[in-house]
Protein backbone atom coordinates (compact mmCIF):
# COMPACT_ATOMS: atom_id res chain seq x y z
CA MET A 1 0.03 0.10 -0.13
CA MET A 2 1.26 3.48 -0.73
CA ASN A 3 -0.02 5.26 2.37
CA SER A 4 2.39 6.31 5.31
CA GLU A 5 -0.29 5.17 7.89
CA PRO A 6 -0.17 1.80 8.79
CA PRO A 7 -3.58 0.17 7.76
CA ILE A 8 -6.00 -0.82 10.57
CA ALA A 9 -8.83 -3.20 11.05
CA ILE A 10 -11.71 -2.46 12.94
CA GLU A 11 -13.48 -5.32 14.54
CA LEU A 12 -17.01 -5.06 16.32
CA ASP A 13 -18.36 -7.65 18.25
CA CYS A 14 -22.00 -7.51 17.64
CA GLU A 15 -23.05 -9.32 20.71
CA THR A 16 -21.15 -7.36 23.21
CA GLY A 17 -20.59 -3.88 21.06
CA VAL A 18 -16.83 -4.25 21.87
CA GLU A 19 -14.83 -2.37 19.09
CA THR A 20 -11.13 -3.64 18.63
CA VAL A 21 -8.84 -1.56 16.46
CA ARG A 22 -5.52 -3.48 15.54
CA PRO A 23 -2.93 -3.32 12.70
CA LEU A 24 -3.62 -5.19 9.54
CA THR A 25 -1.47 -8.20 9.34
CA ASP A 26 1.08 -8.86 6.57
CA GLN A 27 -1.09 -11.36 4.90
CA GLU A 28 -4.23 -8.69 5.22
CA ILE A 29 -2.30 -6.13 3.68
CA THR A 30 -0.92 -8.36 0.90
CA GLN A 31 -4.68 -9.30 0.25
CA LEU A 32 -5.83 -5.87 0.21
CA ASP A 33 -3.05 -4.91 -2.11
CA ALA A 34 -4.24 -7.90 -4.49
CA ASP A 35 -8.05 -6.97 -4.16
CA VAL A 36 -7.08 -3.17 -5.16
CA ALA A 37 -4.84 -4.50 -7.93
CA ARG A 38 -7.80 -6.66 -9.27
CA GLY A 39 -10.30 -4.04 -9.12
CA GLU A 40 -8.13 -1.66 -11.12
CA ALA A 41 -7.55 -4.19 -13.74
CA GLU A 42 -11.33 -4.91 -13.87
CA ARG A 43 -12.10 -1.32 -14.39
CA ALA A 44 -9.23 -0.77 -17.04
CA ALA A 45 -10.80 -3.89 -18.73
CA LYS A 46 -14.43 -2.45 -18.53
CA GLU A 47 -13.31 0.80 -19.97
CA ALA A 48 -11.49 -0.94 -22.65
CA ALA A 49 -14.39 -2.91 -23.91
CA GLU A 50 -16.72 0.26 -23.30
CA ALA A 51 -14.19 2.02 -25.70
CA ILE A 52 -14.20 -0.90 -28.37
CA GLU A 53 -18.09 -0.85 -28.25
CA ALA A 54 -18.22 2.91 -29.05
CA ALA A 55 -15.82 2.53 -31.89
CA GLU A 56 -17.85 -0.22 -33.18
CA ARG A 57 -21.14 1.94 -32.79
CA LEU A 58 -19.46 4.62 -34.65
CA ALA A 59 -18.08 2.75 -37.55
CA LEU A 60 -21.80 1.11 -37.93
CA ALA A 61 -23.24 4.56 -37.61
CA THR A 62 -21.06 5.62 -40.48
CA TRP A 63 -21.67 2.72 -42.67
CA ILE A 64 -25.30 3.05 -42.16
CA ALA A 65 -25.23 6.75 -43.01
CA SER A 66 -23.01 5.91 -46.03
CA GLN A 67 -25.70 3.82 -47.97
CA PRO A 68 -27.27 6.14 -50.22
CA GLY A 69 -29.22 3.32 -51.65
CA LEU A 70 -31.15 2.74 -48.55
CA PRO A 71 -34.33 4.73 -48.02
CA GLU A 72 -34.25 6.99 -45.06
CA ALA A 73 -36.76 4.97 -43.01
CA ALA A 74 -34.86 1.78 -43.54
CA ARG A 75 -31.59 3.79 -42.57
CA ASN A 76 -33.47 5.02 -39.56
CA ALA A 77 -34.77 1.54 -38.58
CA LEU A 78 -31.47 -0.15 -38.74
CA ALA A 79 -29.84 2.73 -36.49
CA ARG A 80 -32.55 2.21 -34.03
CA ALA A 81 -32.46 -1.83 -33.87
CA THR A 82 -28.65 -1.50 -33.40
CA GLY A 83 -28.79 1.32 -31.09
CA VAL A 84 -26.46 3.76 -32.99
CA THR A 85 -27.24 7.39 -33.75
CA LEU A 86 -26.66 8.52 -37.19
CA PRO A 87 -24.96 11.50 -38.09
CA GLY A 88 -27.62 14.53 -38.09
CA GLY A 89 -29.34 12.67 -35.08
CA THR A 90 -31.49 10.34 -36.81
CA GLY A 91 -31.82 6.82 -35.79
């Protein structure tokens, strides 16, 4: 962990109401660091997947909009069905 304060655990005995504050063990600190790293990796993976999906939607919207042979109603229906917004706001 990158904090200058030693991490602590606060334990509360629900039956007695006694609160115990103690430093985390080395094993608990290692687990906490691993959990934080896993969470950061999952967040980065989610953001990457969302960026890919956004790029795919943009490519699809661009393709649909570039089809001059499609009637406007068909382009709009394709856009709605695929969840993209066509340039100019239709779809």
